[in-house]
Protein backbone atom coordinates (compact mmCIF):
# COMPACT_ATOMS: atom_id res chain seq x y z
CA MET A 1 54.82 -23.27 -124.82
CA ALA A 2 52.57 -23.34 -127.00
CA ALA A 3 54.18 -22.97 -131.61
CA THR A 4 50.70 -19.95 -131.21
CA SER A 5 48.02 -19.39 -129.03
CA LYS A 6 45.43 -21.73 -130.32
CA ASP A 7 47.53 -24.63 -130.76
CA PRO A 8 48.51 -27.17 -127.43
CA HIS A 9 51.47 -28.60 -129.40
CA SER A 10 54.90 -26.94 -128.88
CA VAL A 11 57.58 -25.92 -131.47
CA GLY A 12 59.25 -29.77 -130.78
CA GLU A 13 55.97 -31.52 -130.81
CA LEU A 14 55.66 -30.15 -133.84
CA LEU A 15 58.86 -30.76 -135.73
CA LYS A 16 58.65 -34.70 -134.36
CA VAL A 17 54.86 -35.23 -135.87
CA VAL A 18 56.43 -33.63 -138.60
CA ALA A 19 59.53 -36.37 -139.02
CA LEU A 20 57.00 -39.04 -137.95
CA GLY A 21 54.57 -38.31 -141.05
CA VAL A 22 57.57 -38.22 -143.88
CA ARG A 23 58.45 -41.50 -141.53
CA ILE A 24 55.48 -42.67 -142.55
CA GLN A 25 54.75 -41.87 -146.43
CA HIS A 26 58.05 -43.19 -147.33
CA ARG A 27 56.93 -46.54 -145.40
CA GLN A 28 53.87 -46.25 -146.33
CA ALA A 29 55.38 -45.78 -150.08
CA ARG A 30 57.98 -48.79 -149.29
CA GLY A 31 54.52 -51.01 -148.26
CA LYS A 32 55.50 -51.47 -145.43
CA PRO A 33 53.12 -51.74 -141.51
CA VAL A 34 52.53 -47.52 -140.06
CA LYS A 35 50.78 -48.42 -137.68
CA ARG A 36 53.71 -48.02 -135.01
CA LEU A 37 54.53 -44.64 -136.35
CA GLU A 38 51.02 -43.68 -136.90
CA ASN A 39 50.27 -44.50 -132.53
CA ARG A 40 53.48 -42.19 -131.75
CA VAL A 41 51.93 -39.02 -133.28
CA GLU A 42 48.53 -40.08 -131.89
CA ARG A 43 49.88 -40.18 -128.43
CA ILE A 44 51.98 -36.42 -128.46
CA ARG A 45 48.96 -34.58 -130.08
CA GLU A 46 46.84 -35.85 -127.26
CA ASP A 47 49.59 -35.02 -124.40
CA ALA A 48 50.13 -32.01 -125.73
CA GLN A 49 46.69 -31.48 -125.34
CA LYS A 50 46.01 -32.75 -121.68
CA ARG A 51 48.60 -30.41 -120.87
CA GLU A 52 46.39 -26.91 -122.42
CA ASP A 53 43.81 -28.77 -120.84
CA SER A 54 45.68 -28.89 -117.25
CA ARG A 55 46.25 -25.09 -118.17
CA ASN A 56 43.44 -24.19 -118.78
CA LYS A 57 41.52 -24.74 -115.90
CA LYS A 58 44.28 -23.47 -113.38
CA LYS A 59 43.17 -19.83 -115.32
C-alpha cells in the first residue's frame, strides 16, 4: 500500500530508502564506495514505480 495517494512507495520501502541514505552518507564521509547502496535504492524505487504503474493500468 502506498504511503500517500501521490507516492508509489510503501511505508516499508520509504524506511528502507531512508536507512540506505543514512548508510550512504556515512560511507561517503569515510571515503568508501557507495555505488552498490545507490543501486539498491534505485531498484527499490523502480520496483515501486512498476507496481504503481501496473495498478493504474488495471483501473
